[in-house]
Protein backbone atom coordinates (compact mmCIF):
# COMPACT_ATOMS: atom_id res chain seq x y z
CA MET A 1 9.01 -2.75 3.23
CA ILE A 2 6.92 -3.79 5.63
CA ARG A 3 5.76 -7.06 6.91
CA TYR A 4 5.35 -8.97 9.68
CA ALA A 5 7.89 -9.14 12.15
CA ASP A 6 10.05 -12.43 11.97
CA ILE A 7 12.29 -14.01 14.03
CA GLN A 8 15.03 -12.66 12.80
CA ASP A 9 13.86 -9.30 13.69
CA LEU A 10 14.52 -10.36 17.38
CA THR A 11 17.64 -7.90 18.05
CA VAL A 12 16.36 -5.08 16.83
CA LEU A 13 13.04 -5.16 18.96
CA SER A 14 14.72 -6.10 20.74
CA GLU A 15 16.80 -3.01 21.01
CA HIS A 16 14.33 -0.11 20.40
CA ASP A 17 11.44 -2.26 22.54
CA LYS A 18 11.60 -1.01 25.73
CA HIS A 19 7.48 -1.46 26.82
CA ILE A 20 7.92 -5.41 26.33
CA SER A 21 9.68 -7.88 27.26
CA GLU A 22 11.90 -9.92 25.30
CA SER A 23 10.22 -12.92 26.54
CA GLU A 24 6.57 -12.10 25.26
CA LEU A 25 7.88 -10.77 22.01
CA ARG A 26 9.14 -14.06 21.03
CA ASN A 27 6.09 -14.67 21.99
CA ILE A 28 3.48 -12.85 19.70
CA ILE A 29 6.19 -12.39 16.57
CA PRO A 30 4.69 -15.79 15.81
CA ALA A 31 1.17 -15.03 15.95
CA LYS A 32 1.33 -12.12 13.25
CA ARG A 33 1.33 -9.20 16.44
CA VAL A 34 4.21 -7.61 14.96
CA LEU A 35 4.37 -5.83 11.63
CA VAL A 36 8.45 -3.92 10.80
CA MET A 37 9.16 -1.21 8.53
CA TYR A 38 12.05 -0.69 6.63
CA GLN A 39 14.31 1.67 4.24
CA GLY A 40 16.72 -1.13 2.17
CA ASP A 41 18.18 -2.72 5.04
CA ILE A 42 18.15 0.47 7.59
CA PHE A 43 15.62 -0.66 10.40
CA ILE A 44 12.87 2.39 10.69
CA GLY A 45 10.01 1.51 12.73
CA TRP A 46 7.23 -1.29 13.66
CA LEU A 47 3.87 -1.72 15.26
CA ARG A 48 3.13 -4.30 17.64
CA PHE A 49 -0.91 -4.89 18.40
CA GLY A 50 -3.53 -7.81 20.79
CA LEU A 51 -6.57 -7.36 20.25
CA PHE A 52 -9.29 -5.65 22.77
CA TRP A 53 -11.95 -8.11 24.27
CA ASP A 54 -10.82 -10.74 21.86
CA ASN A 55 -12.17 -9.57 19.03
CA ILE A 56 -11.48 -5.72 18.42
CA PRO A 57 -7.99 -4.65 16.77
CA PHE A 58 -5.67 -2.78 19.43
CA MET A 59 -2.69 -0.69 18.08
CA ASN A 60 -0.35 -1.23 21.78
CA MET A 61 2.54 0.69 20.27
CA LEU A 62 3.48 2.33 16.94
CA TYR A 63 7.32 3.80 17.29
CA ILE A 64 9.03 5.04 14.03
CA LEU A 65 12.78 5.89 14.87
CA ASP A 66 13.80 9.56 15.11
CA ASP A 67 15.24 10.53 12.34
CA HIS A 68 12.48 8.84 9.64
CA ARG A 69 10.31 10.82 11.73
CA GLY A 70 7.60 12.61 9.25
CA LYS A 71 8.04 11.92 6.49
CA GLY A 72 4.32 10.05 6.27
CA ASN A 73 6.66 6.89 7.53
CA GLY A 74 3.89 5.91 10.68
CA THR A 75 0.62 6.81 8.71
CA LYS A 76 2.14 4.49 6.14
CA LEU A 77 2.76 1.66 9.09
CA VAL A 78 -0.84 2.08 10.08
CA SER A 79 -2.56 2.48 6.58
CA PHE A 80 -0.69 -1.00 6.12
CA TRP A 81 -1.65 -2.54 9.52
CA GLU A 82 -5.83 -1.02 8.55
CA LYS A 83 -5.43 -2.69 5.89
CA GLU A 84 -4.31 -5.98 6.87
CA MET A 85 -6.66 -5.55 9.80
CA ALA A 86 -9.46 -5.17 6.92
CA LYS A 87 -8.62 -7.94 4.80
CA GLU A 88 -9.47 -10.86 8.27
CA GLY A 89 -12.81 -9.54 8.15
CA TYR A 90 -12.66 -6.60 11.62
CA ARG A 91 -14.52 -3.72 10.83
CA GLN A 92 -12.76 -1.24 13.54
CA VAL A 93 -9.31 -0.21 15.24
CA LEU A 94 -8.02 1.00 19.21
CA THR A 95 -5.29 2.59 19.65
CA SER A 96 -4.81 4.93 23.28
CA THR A 97 -1.94 7.55 23.94
CA GLN A 98 -1.44 9.54 26.90
CA SER A 99 -3.02 13.01 27.26
CA ASP A 100 0.27 14.30 27.12
CA GLU A 101 1.54 13.15 23.98
CA ARG A 102 1.49 14.11 20.85
CA ALA A 103 0.70 11.18 19.57
CA GLN A 104 -3.43 11.66 19.95
CA PHE A 105 -3.05 14.59 16.60
CA PHE A 106 -1.77 12.69 15.44
CA TYR A 107 -4.50 9.53 15.82
CA ARG A 108 -6.63 12.74 14.59
CA LYS A 109 -5.28 13.60 11.92
CA ILE A 110 -5.10 9.71 10.18
CA GLY A 111 -8.97 9.53 10.56
CA TYR A 112 -9.14 8.34 14.70
CA THR A 113 -11.62 9.68 16.94
CA GLU A 114 -11.75 9.98 20.69
CA CYS A 115 -13.97 7.21 22.78
CA GLY A 116 -12.71 7.56 26.39
CA ALA A 117 -10.03 7.87 28.59
CA LEU A 118 -8.98 5.71 31.59
CA LEU A 119 -6.99 7.59 34.36
CA LEU A 120 -5.16 5.34 36.23
CA PRO A 121 -3.37 6.98 39.67
CA LYS A 122 -0.66 9.15 39.90
CA GLU A 123 -0.60 8.79 35.90
CA PRO A 124 -1.21 10.79 33.07
CA LEU A 125 -4.86 10.59 31.38
CA GLU A 126 -4.73 7.72 28.28
CA MET A 127 -7.14 8.57 25.60
CA PHE A 128 -8.39 6.09 23.60
CA PHE A 129 -9.19 6.43 19.81
CA ILE A 130 -10.99 3.80 17.93
CA LYS A 131 -11.34 3.87 13.94
CA ASP A 132 -14.23 2.51 11.52
CA LEU A 133 -12.30 0.20 8.36
CA ILE A 134 -15.17 -0.29 6.49
């Protein structure tokens, strides 16, 4: 099951997502900026997003727990998000990943194309990807 997170998901999200503070999670959950994925009662993963330039959905975090990877769960979660964004009237979505992470291959496989990069001091290259929804 995939759905928008609610405040009851805060504990499990805070436990697993170390890239965002609990207080910020409290802010974005009611704004419907986090999706969660469960298999029955078992938490599988989440997708967190915002808006780049305040008008293009940007996937900030996609994470599937180790035991549930390689089974199509990431693809299902991203596909659900893309459909939700299309329903909201968005025509494109964005995401990024570091050049030393395998995620770039996943994003290409599901139809994202590279559209730029950012190089911060002492960090690997951050690669940006875009996908048209129409």
